[in-house]
Amino acid sequence: MFSYIYLASQSPRRQELLKQIGIPFEMLTAAPGEDTESLEIALPHEKARDYVERVTFAKSSVALARWQNSGKPWAPILCADTTVSLPGNPAGEILGKPKDAADAARILQMLSGKVHEVLSAVVLVIDPKTSPLCLVQVSEVEFAHLTEVQITNYIQSGEPFGKAGAYGIQGLGGAFIPSIKGSYSGIMGLPIFEVNQLLDFAKVARI
């Protein structure tokens, strides 16, 4: 049995969710100069599920190399990625993190009044010599019709930046969402049911 895991993510939300389910963890964050953003670039015409799985496996490979250079004792490594998908969107179904305010407005206008999908993949490296395990959680999120004023005010809050789909359900963006079908924690970025399944399989202790 492992007494803790490594979390290869700087997301405060993922840290909070692990604490919520009593998982002891240490951070395994990027070294200075390490390019993590390039891992999240979508390929042309890539489907959302293929994208989120590919990116999370890539993150796990980078995290494993990071551990190998750290000198730390072994513990399972948890990686995750979340993307927002608008199936049938002519410009591509993957709605990533906005580049700037104009891009955030474009994304929010596309989501306004529609139901979209949020896909969260989790990958656990149980042993450095075996293939990682992956689970994907898919939720449906209904967005209210947003006015131009609502979109402008929301962008001015700063919350859309750094978030796939240009919103955060756990923050001000939650006021735009009449209903969800799926996993609230998955929409936040770490589906705790799926994480719990992987950690049970790996025999990770709880607090």
Protein backbone atom coordinates (compact mmCIF):
# COMPACT_ATOMS: atom_id res chain seq x y z
CA MET A 1 0.00 0.00 0.00
CA PHE A 2 1.20 3.51 -0.85
CA SER A 3 0.94 6.17 1.84
CA TYR A 4 0.70 9.08 -0.62
CA ILE A 5 0.74 10.01 -4.31
CA TYR A 6 2.38 12.69 -6.43
CA LEU A 7 0.09 15.24 -8.07
CA ALA A 8 1.56 16.53 -11.33
CA SER A 9 -0.63 19.63 -11.55
CA GLN A 10 -0.44 23.19 -10.29
CA SER A 11 -4.23 23.55 -10.23
CA PRO A 12 -5.49 24.70 -6.80
CA ARG A 13 -8.85 23.11 -7.61
CA ARG A 14 -7.31 19.66 -8.08
CA GLN A 15 -5.42 20.03 -4.82
CA GLU A 16 -8.63 20.96 -3.01
CA LEU A 17 -10.50 17.99 -4.46
CA LEU A 18 -7.80 15.52 -3.41
CA LYS A 19 -7.91 16.93 0.11
CA GLN A 20 -11.70 16.60 0.04
CA ILE A 21 -11.45 12.82 -0.39
CA GLY A 22 -8.57 12.42 2.07
CA ILE A 23 -5.74 11.60 -0.34
CA PRO A 24 -2.25 12.45 0.98
CA PHE A 25 -0.18 13.94 -1.85
CA GLU A 26 2.99 15.78 -2.69
CA MET A 27 3.35 18.17 -5.58
CA LEU A 28 5.40 17.14 -8.60
CA THR A 29 5.37 20.42 -10.46
CA ALA A 30 7.19 21.60 -13.57
CA ALA A 31 10.83 22.59 -13.29
CA PRO A 32 11.84 26.15 -14.30
CA GLY A 33 11.93 26.44 -18.07
CA GLU A 34 9.85 23.31 -18.62
CA ASP A 35 7.34 23.87 -21.44
CA THR A 36 3.99 22.46 -20.32
CA GLU A 37 1.70 24.68 -22.41
CA SER A 38 2.80 23.10 -25.69
CA LEU A 39 1.39 19.76 -24.53
CA GLU A 40 -2.11 21.25 -24.65
CA ILE A 41 -2.10 22.31 -28.30
CA ALA A 42 -4.91 20.51 -30.15
CA LEU A 43 -4.18 18.74 -33.42
CA PRO A 44 -6.16 19.72 -36.54
CA HIS A 45 -9.67 18.19 -36.52
CA GLU A 46 -8.90 16.31 -33.29
CA LYS A 47 -11.88 14.96 -31.38
CA ALA A 48 -12.27 16.07 -27.77
CA ARG A 49 -11.95 12.61 -26.21
CA ASP A 50 -8.85 11.79 -28.29
CA TYR A 51 -7.41 15.15 -27.31
CA VAL A 52 -7.95 14.90 -23.57
CA GLU A 53 -6.59 11.34 -23.42
CA ARG A 54 -3.53 12.20 -25.54
CA VAL A 55 -2.70 15.30 -23.50
CA THR A 56 -3.08 13.53 -20.15
CA PHE A 57 -0.88 10.61 -21.22
CA ALA A 58 1.69 13.14 -22.47
CA LYS A 59 1.57 14.90 -19.11
CA SER A 60 2.13 11.57 -17.35
CA SER A 61 5.24 10.87 -19.48
CA VAL A 62 6.65 14.28 -18.64
CA ALA A 63 5.80 13.83 -14.95
CA LEU A 64 7.51 10.43 -14.87
CA ALA A 65 10.67 11.96 -16.31
CA ARG A 66 10.37 14.74 -13.75
CA TRP A 67 10.24 12.16 -10.94
CA GLN A 68 13.24 10.27 -12.38
CA ASN A 69 15.30 13.46 -12.10
CA SER A 70 14.02 14.35 -8.63
CA GLY A 71 15.72 11.74 -6.45
CA LYS A 72 12.44 11.27 -4.58
CA PRO A 73 11.12 7.85 -3.48
CA TRP A 74 8.52 6.24 -5.72
CA ALA A 75 4.80 6.86 -5.30
CA PRO A 76 2.01 6.75 -7.92
CA ILE A 77 1.77 9.85 -10.11
CA LEU A 78 -1.62 11.40 -10.86
CA CYS A 79 -2.14 13.61 -13.91
CA ALA A 80 -5.32 15.17 -15.27
CA ASP A 81 -6.59 17.34 -18.07
CA THR A 82 -9.98 18.88 -18.80
CA THR A 83 -11.40 20.22 -22.03
CA VAL A 84 -14.67 21.76 -23.13
CA SER A 85 -16.31 20.45 -26.27
CA LEU A 86 -19.05 21.89 -28.46
CA PRO A 87 -19.82 18.99 -30.83
CA GLY A 88 -20.68 20.10 -34.35
CA ASN A 89 -19.03 23.49 -33.97
CA PRO A 90 -17.74 24.46 -37.46
CA ALA A 91 -14.53 25.94 -36.05
CA GLY A 92 -13.70 22.71 -34.17
CA GLU A 93 -15.32 21.06 -31.19
CA ILE A 94 -12.49 21.73 -28.70
CA LEU A 95 -12.80 25.03 -26.83
CA GLY A 96 -9.53 25.56 -25.01
CA LYS A 97 -8.21 28.31 -22.79
CA PRO A 98 -8.85 31.81 -24.18
CA LYS A 99 -5.84 33.64 -25.59
CA ASP A 100 -7.18 37.09 -24.68
CA ALA A 101 -10.39 38.98 -23.87
CA ALA A 102 -11.65 38.86 -27.46
CA ASP A 103 -11.12 35.10 -27.60
CA ALA A 104 -12.89 34.66 -24.25
CA ALA A 105 -15.87 36.64 -25.61
CA ARG A 106 -15.91 34.47 -28.75
CA ILE A 107 -15.97 31.26 -26.69
CA LEU A 108 -18.65 32.47 -24.28
CA GLN A 109 -20.84 33.62 -27.18
CA MET A 110 -20.57 30.13 -28.68
CA LEU A 111 -21.55 28.49 -25.39
CA SER A 112 -24.43 30.90 -24.71
CA GLY A 113 -27.81 29.14 -24.75
CA LYS A 114 -26.31 25.74 -25.64
CA VAL A 115 -25.48 22.42 -24.01
CA HIS A 116 -21.80 21.51 -24.20
CA GLU A 117 -19.62 18.69 -22.94
CA VAL A 118 -16.81 18.79 -20.39
CA LEU A 119 -14.34 15.91 -20.60
CA SER A 120 -11.88 15.22 -17.79
CA ALA A 121 -9.21 12.53 -18.14
CA VAL A 122 -7.21 11.18 -15.22
CA VAL A 123 -4.08 9.07 -15.64
CA LEU A 124 -2.36 7.23 -12.81
CA VAL A 125 1.18 5.89 -13.15
CA ILE A 126 1.20 3.08 -10.58
CA ASP A 127 4.65 1.75 -11.42
CA PRO A 128 7.38 3.39 -13.52
CA LYS A 129 7.80 0.20 -15.59
CA THR A 130 4.13 -0.45 -16.43
CA SER A 131 1.62 1.34 -18.63
CA PRO A 132 -0.43 4.09 -16.91
CA LEU A 133 -4.15 3.67 -16.28
CA CYS A 134 -6.64 6.17 -17.70
CA LEU A 135 -10.29 6.99 -17.08
CA VAL A 136 -12.35 9.70 -18.79
CA GLN A 137 -15.44 11.36 -17.34
CA VAL A 138 -17.87 13.21 -19.63
CA SER A 139 -20.47 15.69 -18.35
CA GLU A 140 -23.10 17.77 -20.11
CA VAL A 141 -23.42 21.40 -19.07
CA GLU A 142 -26.32 23.69 -19.97
CA PHE A 143 -25.45 27.34 -20.43
CA ALA A 144 -28.00 30.14 -20.09
CA HIS A 145 -28.39 32.78 -22.79
CA LEU A 146 -25.81 35.44 -21.94
CA THR A 147 -26.14 39.13 -22.71
CA GLU A 148 -23.23 41.19 -24.01
CA VAL A 149 -23.11 42.96 -20.65
CA GLN A 150 -22.86 39.65 -18.77
CA ILE A 151 -20.06 38.46 -21.03
CA THR A 152 -18.16 41.75 -20.71
CA ASN A 153 -18.50 41.86 -16.93
CA TYR A 154 -17.45 38.23 -16.60
CA ILE A 155 -14.35 38.77 -18.71
CA GLN A 156 -13.47 41.85 -16.67
CA SER A 157 -13.54 39.67 -13.54
CA GLY A 158 -10.55 37.77 -14.93
CA GLU A 159 -12.08 34.40 -14.19
CA PRO A 160 -12.25 33.09 -17.80
CA PHE A 161 -8.48 33.14 -18.29
CA GLY A 162 -6.53 29.94 -17.80
CA LYS A 163 -9.72 27.85 -17.98
CA ALA A 164 -10.88 25.59 -20.80
CA GLY A 165 -14.12 26.96 -22.23
CA ALA A 166 -13.42 30.38 -20.67
CA TYR A 167 -15.39 29.74 -17.48
CA GLY A 168 -15.16 28.17 -14.03
CA ILE A 169 -18.22 26.43 -12.62
CA GLN A 170 -16.89 26.79 -9.06
CA GLY A 171 -16.72 30.57 -9.37
CA LEU A 172 -18.76 33.37 -10.90
CA GLY A 173 -19.38 31.23 -13.98
CA GLY A 174 -21.61 28.95 -11.93
CA ALA A 175 -24.33 31.62 -12.17
CA PHE A 176 -24.62 30.92 -15.92
CA ILE A 177 -25.35 27.20 -15.54
CA PRO A 178 -28.98 26.12 -14.99
CA SER A 179 -28.17 22.38 -14.96
CA ILE A 180 -25.50 19.75 -15.39
CA LYS A 181 -25.62 16.05 -16.14
CA GLY A 182 -22.55 14.27 -14.89
CA SER A 183 -19.81 15.09 -12.40
CA TYR A 184 -19.46 18.49 -10.75
CA SER A 185 -15.89 17.68 -9.67
CA GLY A 186 -15.12 16.52 -13.22
CA ILE A 187 -16.27 19.87 -14.56
CA MET A 188 -14.00 21.53 -11.99
CA GLY A 189 -11.07 19.52 -13.37
CA LEU A 190 -10.72 16.31 -11.34
CA PRO A 191 -13.53 13.71 -11.34
CA ILE A 192 -13.20 12.31 -7.83
CA PHE A 193 -15.23 9.14 -8.47
CA GLU A 194 -12.84 8.08 -11.25
CA VAL A 195 -9.80 9.17 -9.22
CA ASN A 196 -11.03 7.12 -6.28
CA GLN A 197 -11.39 4.05 -8.52
CA LEU A 198 -7.81 4.37 -9.75
CA LEU A 199 -6.41 4.95 -6.27
CA ASP A 200 -8.30 1.97 -4.86
CA PHE A 201 -6.80 -0.18 -7.60
CA ALA A 202 -3.33 1.15 -6.75
CA LYS A 203 -3.95 0.60 -3.00
CA VAL A 204 -3.31 4.20 -1.96
CA ALA A 205 -4.00 4.99 1.70
CA ARG A 206 -6.50 7.61 2.86
CA ILE A 207 -6.10 10.08 5.69
